[in-house]
Amino acid sequence: MNSTVACALVASKIIYSNGSSTHSPNNSISHSLINSGKKRPLIAHVEAGLRSFDRTMPEEINRLLTDSLSDYLFITEENAKENLLREGISNEKIFFVGNTMIDTLLKHREKANHSKYFV
């Protein structure tokens, strides 16, 4: 399991305390946590929906799991949206943000062309 999935799994299960310091026998910690009304942090997955379709690869399982736990899925291509919709992810959770690697390359290409380090 990679760190992305581990963080998503932990965040999806967190229930926050309301900070009450009451310690009576009738007020268990779990009761105060469950009834605190606070929610877990939102989970966002950048480059969501990318698939190799090879479930023998651990990274493919990590992608599927992380996408299923995420509240916001930021996609880089239309195929990713199709994958997520086919997997039952709500369209309202999917946001096209472009390809961050290509966008960064294009933004800095002119500077790189004039760099003494550019080959």
N, C-alpha and C. Protein backbone atom coordinates (compact mmCIF):
# COMPACT_ATOMS: atom_id res chain seq x y z
N MET A 1 0.85 -1.17 0.00
CA MET A 1 0.00 0.00 0.00
C MET A 1 0.90 1.23 0.00
N ASN A 2 0.59 2.18 -0.88
CA ASN A 2 1.41 3.38 -0.91
C ASN A 2 0.87 4.44 0.04
N SER A 3 1.62 5.52 0.18
CA SER A 3 1.25 6.54 1.16
C SER A 3 -0.04 7.27 0.79
N THR A 4 -0.33 7.41 -0.49
CA THR A 4 -1.57 8.07 -0.91
C THR A 4 -2.78 7.31 -0.40
N VAL A 5 -2.76 6.00 -0.61
CA VAL A 5 -3.88 5.18 -0.17
C VAL A 5 -3.96 5.14 1.34
N ALA A 6 -2.82 5.02 1.99
CA ALA A 6 -2.82 4.99 3.45
C ALA A 6 -3.43 6.27 4.02
N CYS A 7 -3.05 7.41 3.49
CA CYS A 7 -3.61 8.68 3.97
C CYS A 7 -5.10 8.77 3.69
N ALA A 8 -5.52 8.33 2.52
CA ALA A 8 -6.94 8.37 2.18
C ALA A 8 -7.74 7.46 3.10
N LEU A 9 -7.21 6.29 3.39
CA LEU A 9 -7.92 5.36 4.27
C LEU A 9 -8.05 5.93 5.68
N VAL A 10 -6.98 6.47 6.19
CA VAL A 10 -7.03 7.06 7.53
C VAL A 10 -8.01 8.22 7.56
N ALA A 11 -7.90 9.13 6.61
CA ALA A 11 -8.77 10.31 6.59
C ALA A 11 -10.24 9.93 6.45
N SER A 12 -10.52 8.86 5.72
CA SER A 12 -11.92 8.47 5.52
C SER A 12 -12.56 7.91 6.78
N LYS A 13 -11.75 7.50 7.73
CA LYS A 13 -12.27 6.87 8.95
C LYS A 13 -12.23 7.79 10.18
N ILE A 14 -11.62 8.96 10.07
CA ILE A 14 -11.46 9.83 11.23
C ILE A 14 -12.81 10.41 11.66
N ILE A 15 -13.05 10.36 12.93
CA ILE A 15 -14.20 11.05 13.54
C ILE A 15 -13.61 11.96 14.60
N TYR A 16 -13.93 13.25 14.55
CA TYR A 16 -13.29 14.22 15.41
C TYR A 16 -14.06 14.48 16.69
N SER A 17 -13.34 14.70 17.74
CA SER A 17 -13.92 15.02 19.03
C SER A 17 -14.39 16.46 19.05
N ASN A 18 -15.39 16.73 19.88
CA ASN A 18 -15.86 18.10 20.04
C ASN A 18 -15.07 18.84 21.11
N GLY A 19 -14.06 18.18 21.69
CA GLY A 19 -13.22 18.80 22.70
C GLY A 19 -13.79 18.74 24.09
N SER A 20 -14.89 18.03 24.29
CA SER A 20 -15.51 17.93 25.61
C SER A 20 -14.57 17.22 26.58
N SER A 21 -14.51 17.73 27.80
CA SER A 21 -13.63 17.11 28.79
C SER A 21 -14.44 16.40 29.87
N THR A 22 -15.70 16.12 29.60
CA THR A 22 -16.55 15.41 30.56
C THR A 22 -16.08 13.97 30.68
N HIS A 23 -15.87 13.49 31.91
CA HIS A 23 -15.35 12.14 32.11
C HIS A 23 -16.29 11.28 32.93
N SER A 24 -17.57 11.51 32.89
CA SER A 24 -18.50 10.70 33.67
C SER A 24 -18.57 9.30 33.09
N PRO A 25 -18.91 8.30 33.90
CA PRO A 25 -18.99 6.91 33.41
C PRO A 25 -19.98 6.74 32.27
N ASN A 26 -20.97 7.61 32.18
CA ASN A 26 -21.99 7.47 31.13
C ASN A 26 -21.60 8.17 29.84
N ASN A 27 -20.42 8.78 29.81
CA ASN A 27 -20.00 9.53 28.63
C ASN A 27 -18.70 8.95 28.11
N SER A 28 -18.78 7.90 27.33
CA SER A 28 -17.57 7.26 26.81
C SER A 28 -16.93 8.13 25.74
N ILE A 29 -15.66 7.92 25.54
CA ILE A 29 -14.93 8.68 24.51
C ILE A 29 -15.54 8.42 23.14
N SER A 30 -15.84 7.16 22.84
CA SER A 30 -16.39 6.86 21.52
C SER A 30 -17.73 7.55 21.31
N HIS A 31 -18.55 7.63 22.36
CA HIS A 31 -19.83 8.31 22.25
C HIS A 31 -19.64 9.79 21.93
N SER A 32 -18.70 10.44 22.61
CA SER A 32 -18.49 11.86 22.35
C SER A 32 -17.91 12.09 20.97
N LEU A 33 -17.07 11.16 20.49
CA LEU A 33 -16.52 11.31 19.14
C LEU A 33 -17.60 11.13 18.09
N ILE A 34 -18.40 10.10 18.25
CA ILE A 34 -19.43 9.82 17.24
C ILE A 34 -20.47 10.93 17.20
N ASN A 35 -20.81 11.50 18.34
CA ASN A 35 -21.84 12.52 18.40
C ASN A 35 -21.32 13.95 18.38
N SER A 36 -20.05 14.13 18.03
CA SER A 36 -19.48 15.47 18.05
C SER A 36 -20.00 16.33 16.90
N GLY A 37 -20.46 15.70 15.83
CA GLY A 37 -20.97 16.45 14.69
C GLY A 37 -19.88 16.93 13.76
N LYS A 38 -18.62 16.68 14.09
CA LYS A 38 -17.53 17.10 13.21
C LYS A 38 -17.30 16.03 12.16
N LYS A 39 -16.87 16.48 11.01
CA LYS A 39 -16.68 15.57 9.89
C LYS A 39 -15.20 15.35 9.61
N ARG A 40 -14.92 14.30 8.90
CA ARG A 40 -13.55 14.02 8.48
C ARG A 40 -13.12 15.05 7.45
N PRO A 41 -11.81 15.19 7.23
CA PRO A 41 -11.35 16.11 6.18
C PRO A 41 -11.79 15.59 4.82
N LEU A 42 -11.96 16.50 3.88
CA LEU A 42 -12.28 16.10 2.52
C LEU A 42 -11.04 15.50 1.88
N ILE A 43 -11.26 14.53 1.02
CA ILE A 43 -10.17 13.86 0.33
C ILE A 43 -10.23 14.23 -1.14
N ALA A 44 -9.11 14.69 -1.69
CA ALA A 44 -9.01 15.03 -3.10
C ALA A 44 -7.93 14.17 -3.74
N HIS A 45 -8.20 13.69 -4.95
CA HIS A 45 -7.23 12.89 -5.67
C HIS A 45 -6.87 13.60 -6.97
N VAL A 46 -5.62 14.02 -7.07
CA VAL A 46 -5.10 14.66 -8.29
C VAL A 46 -4.67 13.56 -9.24
N GLU A 47 -5.00 13.71 -10.50
CA GLU A 47 -4.78 12.70 -11.54
C GLU A 47 -5.64 11.47 -11.29
N ALA A 48 -6.86 11.70 -10.88
CA ALA A 48 -7.82 10.62 -10.63
C ALA A 48 -8.26 9.99 -11.94
N GLY A 49 -8.75 8.76 -11.84
CA GLY A 49 -9.36 8.08 -12.97
C GLY A 49 -8.40 7.46 -13.96
N LEU A 50 -7.10 7.62 -13.76
CA LEU A 50 -6.15 7.00 -14.67
C LEU A 50 -6.14 5.50 -14.42
N ARG A 51 -6.16 4.71 -15.47
CA ARG A 51 -6.24 3.26 -15.33
C ARG A 51 -5.30 2.55 -16.29
N SER A 52 -4.70 1.47 -15.80
CA SER A 52 -3.92 0.56 -16.66
C SER A 52 -4.77 -0.65 -17.02
N PHE A 53 -5.83 -0.90 -16.23
CA PHE A 53 -6.72 -2.05 -16.36
C PHE A 53 -6.01 -3.36 -16.08
N ASP A 54 -4.91 -3.30 -15.33
CA ASP A 54 -4.16 -4.49 -14.91
C ASP A 54 -4.25 -4.59 -13.40
N ARG A 55 -5.20 -5.37 -12.93
CA ARG A 55 -5.43 -5.47 -11.48
C ARG A 55 -4.40 -6.34 -10.77
N THR A 56 -3.42 -6.84 -11.50
CA THR A 56 -2.31 -7.53 -10.84
C THR A 56 -1.28 -6.52 -10.35
N MET A 57 -1.39 -5.28 -10.79
CA MET A 57 -0.46 -4.22 -10.38
C MET A 57 -0.97 -3.56 -9.10
N PRO A 58 -0.16 -3.50 -8.05
CA PRO A 58 -0.58 -2.83 -6.82
C PRO A 58 -1.01 -1.39 -7.04
N GLU A 59 -0.33 -0.68 -7.93
CA GLU A 59 -0.69 0.73 -8.16
C GLU A 59 -2.10 0.86 -8.74
N GLU A 60 -2.53 -0.10 -9.53
CA GLU A 60 -3.89 -0.05 -10.08
C GLU A 60 -4.92 -0.19 -8.96
N ILE A 61 -4.67 -1.08 -8.02
CA ILE A 61 -5.57 -1.24 -6.88
C ILE A 61 -5.56 0.04 -6.04
N ASN A 62 -4.38 0.63 -5.85
CA ASN A 62 -4.29 1.90 -5.11
C ASN A 62 -5.11 3.00 -5.78
N ARG A 63 -5.05 3.08 -7.10
CA ARG A 63 -5.82 4.10 -7.83
C ARG A 63 -7.33 3.89 -7.61
N LEU A 64 -7.77 2.66 -7.77
CA LEU A 64 -9.20 2.35 -7.60
C LEU A 64 -9.68 2.68 -6.19
N LEU A 65 -8.90 2.29 -5.21
CA LEU A 65 -9.27 2.51 -3.82
C LEU A 65 -9.29 4.00 -3.49
N THR A 66 -8.25 4.71 -3.88
CA THR A 66 -8.18 6.14 -3.60
C THR A 66 -9.33 6.89 -4.27
N ASP A 67 -9.62 6.55 -5.51
CA ASP A 67 -10.74 7.21 -6.20
C ASP A 67 -12.07 6.93 -5.50
N SER A 68 -12.24 5.72 -5.02
CA SER A 68 -13.52 5.38 -4.38
C SER A 68 -13.70 6.11 -3.05
N LEU A 69 -12.61 6.49 -2.39
CA LEU A 69 -12.68 7.19 -1.11
C LEU A 69 -12.72 8.71 -1.25
N SER A 70 -12.37 9.22 -2.41
CA SER A 70 -12.19 10.67 -2.59
C SER A 70 -13.50 11.41 -2.75
N ASP A 71 -13.49 12.64 -2.20
CA ASP A 71 -14.64 13.54 -2.33
C ASP A 71 -14.53 14.38 -3.60
N TYR A 72 -13.31 14.71 -3.98
CA TYR A 72 -13.05 15.50 -5.18
C TYR A 72 -12.05 14.73 -6.02
N LEU A 73 -12.38 14.55 -7.30
CA LEU A 73 -11.50 13.81 -8.20
C LEU A 73 -11.09 14.75 -9.33
N PHE A 74 -9.82 15.12 -9.34
CA PHE A 74 -9.28 16.05 -10.33
C PHE A 74 -8.66 15.23 -11.46
N ILE A 75 -9.24 15.35 -12.65
CA ILE A 75 -8.81 14.54 -13.78
C ILE A 75 -7.97 15.36 -14.75
N THR A 76 -7.13 14.64 -15.51
CA THR A 76 -6.23 15.28 -16.46
C THR A 76 -6.62 15.01 -17.91
N GLU A 77 -7.56 14.09 -18.10
CA GLU A 77 -7.98 13.73 -19.46
C GLU A 77 -9.40 13.18 -19.44
N GLU A 78 -10.06 13.24 -20.58
CA GLU A 78 -11.45 12.79 -20.67
C GLU A 78 -11.61 11.29 -20.42
N ASN A 79 -10.62 10.49 -20.79
CA ASN A 79 -10.72 9.04 -20.53
C ASN A 79 -10.85 8.77 -19.04
N ALA A 80 -10.22 9.59 -18.22
CA ALA A 80 -10.30 9.41 -16.77
C ALA A 80 -11.73 9.61 -16.30
N LYS A 81 -12.42 10.60 -16.87
CA LYS A 81 -13.81 10.84 -16.50
C LYS A 81 -14.68 9.64 -16.87
N GLU A 82 -14.47 9.11 -18.06
CA GLU A 82 -15.22 7.93 -18.50
C GLU A 82 -14.99 6.75 -17.54
N ASN A 83 -13.74 6.57 -17.13
CA ASN A 83 -13.42 5.48 -16.19
C ASN A 83 -14.16 5.65 -14.87
N LEU A 84 -14.12 6.87 -14.33
CA LEU A 84 -14.76 7.14 -13.04
C LEU A 84 -16.27 6.97 -13.12
N LEU A 85 -16.89 7.48 -14.17
CA LEU A 85 -18.34 7.35 -14.33
C LEU A 85 -18.73 5.87 -14.46
N ARG A 86 -17.94 5.12 -15.20
CA ARG A 86 -18.20 3.67 -15.37
C ARG A 86 -18.09 2.94 -14.03
N GLU A 87 -17.25 3.45 -13.13
CA GLU A 87 -17.06 2.83 -11.81
C GLU A 87 -18.08 3.33 -10.78
N GLY A 88 -19.02 4.17 -11.22
CA GLY A 88 -20.08 4.61 -10.33
C GLY A 88 -19.79 5.89 -9.55
N ILE A 89 -18.72 6.59 -9.90
CA ILE A 89 -18.40 7.86 -9.25
C ILE A 89 -19.34 8.93 -9.80
N SER A 90 -19.88 9.74 -8.92
CA SER A 90 -20.80 10.80 -9.31
C SER A 90 -20.09 11.88 -10.13
N ASN A 91 -20.74 12.31 -11.19
CA ASN A 91 -20.20 13.36 -12.06
C ASN A 91 -19.90 14.64 -11.27
N GLU A 92 -20.66 14.91 -10.21
CA GLU A 92 -20.49 16.13 -9.42
C GLU A 92 -19.16 16.15 -8.67
N LYS A 93 -18.51 15.01 -8.51
CA LYS A 93 -17.24 14.92 -7.79
C LYS A 93 -16.03 15.06 -8.72
N ILE A 94 -16.27 15.09 -10.03
CA ILE A 94 -15.19 15.04 -11.03
C ILE A 94 -14.95 16.43 -11.61
N PHE A 95 -13.67 16.84 -11.62
CA PHE A 95 -13.29 18.16 -12.12
C PHE A 95 -12.09 18.03 -13.05
N PHE A 96 -12.25 18.55 -14.28
CA PHE A 96 -11.13 18.53 -15.22
C PHE A 96 -10.20 19.69 -14.89
N VAL A 97 -8.93 19.37 -14.62
CA VAL A 97 -7.96 20.41 -14.25
C VAL A 97 -6.79 20.49 -15.22
N GLY A 98 -6.78 19.64 -16.21
CA GLY A 98 -5.67 19.65 -17.16
C GLY A 98 -4.53 18.79 -16.66
N ASN A 99 -3.52 18.67 -17.50
CA ASN A 99 -2.37 17.85 -17.18
C ASN A 99 -1.29 18.73 -16.56
N THR A 100 -1.08 18.58 -15.27
CA THR A 100 -0.15 19.46 -14.56
C THR A 100 1.27 19.35 -15.09
N MET A 101 1.69 18.19 -15.51
CA MET A 101 3.05 18.03 -16.04
C MET A 101 3.20 18.76 -17.38
N ILE A 102 2.24 18.59 -18.27
CA ILE A 102 2.31 19.26 -19.57
C ILE A 102 2.15 20.77 -19.40
N ASP A 103 1.22 21.18 -18.55
CA ASP A 103 1.02 22.62 -18.31
C ASP A 103 2.29 23.27 -17.77
N THR A 104 2.98 22.59 -16.87
CA THR A 104 4.23 23.12 -16.32
C THR A 104 5.31 23.18 -17.39
N LEU A 105 5.39 22.14 -18.20
CA LEU A 105 6.36 22.12 -19.30
C LEU A 105 6.12 23.30 -20.24
N LEU A 106 4.88 23.48 -20.65
CA LEU A 106 4.57 24.56 -21.59
C LEU A 106 4.84 25.93 -20.99
N LYS A 107 4.54 26.10 -19.72
CA LYS A 107 4.76 27.39 -19.06
C LYS A 107 6.25 27.75 -19.01
N HIS A 108 7.11 26.76 -18.85
CA HIS A 108 8.53 27.03 -18.68
C HIS A 108 9.38 26.68 -19.90
N ARG A 109 8.75 26.29 -20.99
CA ARG A 109 9.49 25.88 -22.19
C ARG A 109 10.37 27.00 -22.74
N GLU A 110 9.83 28.20 -22.85
CA GLU A 110 10.60 29.32 -23.40
C GLU A 110 11.83 29.61 -22.54
N LYS A 111 11.66 29.59 -21.24
CA LYS A 111 12.78 29.81 -20.33
C LYS A 111 13.82 28.70 -20.48
N ALA A 112 13.36 27.47 -20.64
CA ALA A 112 14.27 26.34 -20.82
C ALA A 112 15.04 26.46 -22.13
N ASN A 113 14.38 26.92 -23.17
CA ASN A 113 15.03 27.07 -24.47
C ASN A 113 16.19 28.06 -24.41
N HIS A 114 16.15 29.00 -23.51
CA HIS A 114 17.19 30.02 -23.38
C HIS A 114 18.19 29.69 -22.27
N SER A 115 18.03 28.57 -21.64
CA SER A 115 18.89 28.18 -20.53
C SER A 115 20.18 27.57 -21.07
N LYS A 116 21.29 27.83 -20.38
CA LYS A 116 22.56 27.22 -20.78
C LYS A 116 22.56 25.71 -20.49
N TYR A 117 21.59 25.24 -19.71
CA TYR A 117 21.51 23.83 -19.37
C TYR A 117 20.63 23.03 -20.34
N PHE A 118 19.91 23.73 -21.22
CA PHE A 118 19.03 23.07 -22.16
C PHE A 118 19.86 22.43 -23.27
N VAL A 119 19.62 21.19 -23.55
CA VAL A 119 20.39 20.48 -24.59
C VAL A 119 19.55 20.31 -25.81
